[in-house]
Amino acid sequence: MAATAESTQIFRRVIEPERGTFPRDLARYVLDLDFPGEDHAGYEALSAKAQEGTLTAQEADELDGYLHVDGLPGHLAVEGRTISAGAGRPGP
């Protein structure tokens, strides 16, 4: 089953990053999250195939997975940047 942008939006509503309630250490940790090098290479290869229009259905599902996983920390990073900028209220 492919992950969807809708599930990412549901996750965003659950964590409510704009509330500024994440602990500072967690927010900083999230800002540092990144895919390992081999995943970056795989994502780039799949992206290139998508632009060429040559993705198989399985590859499209894999690319959707990368996009979904990449989106989740992005929502958390909004919180981290807010806290790092001093605009948020850190949680306990």
Foldseek 3Di string as FASTA:
>chain_A
DADDVVVLVVLLVVVVLVQLAAAQVVLVVLVPDDDPPVVVVLLVVLVVCVVVVNDDPVSVSVNSNVVSVVSNSVSSNSNNVCVVVVNGDYHD
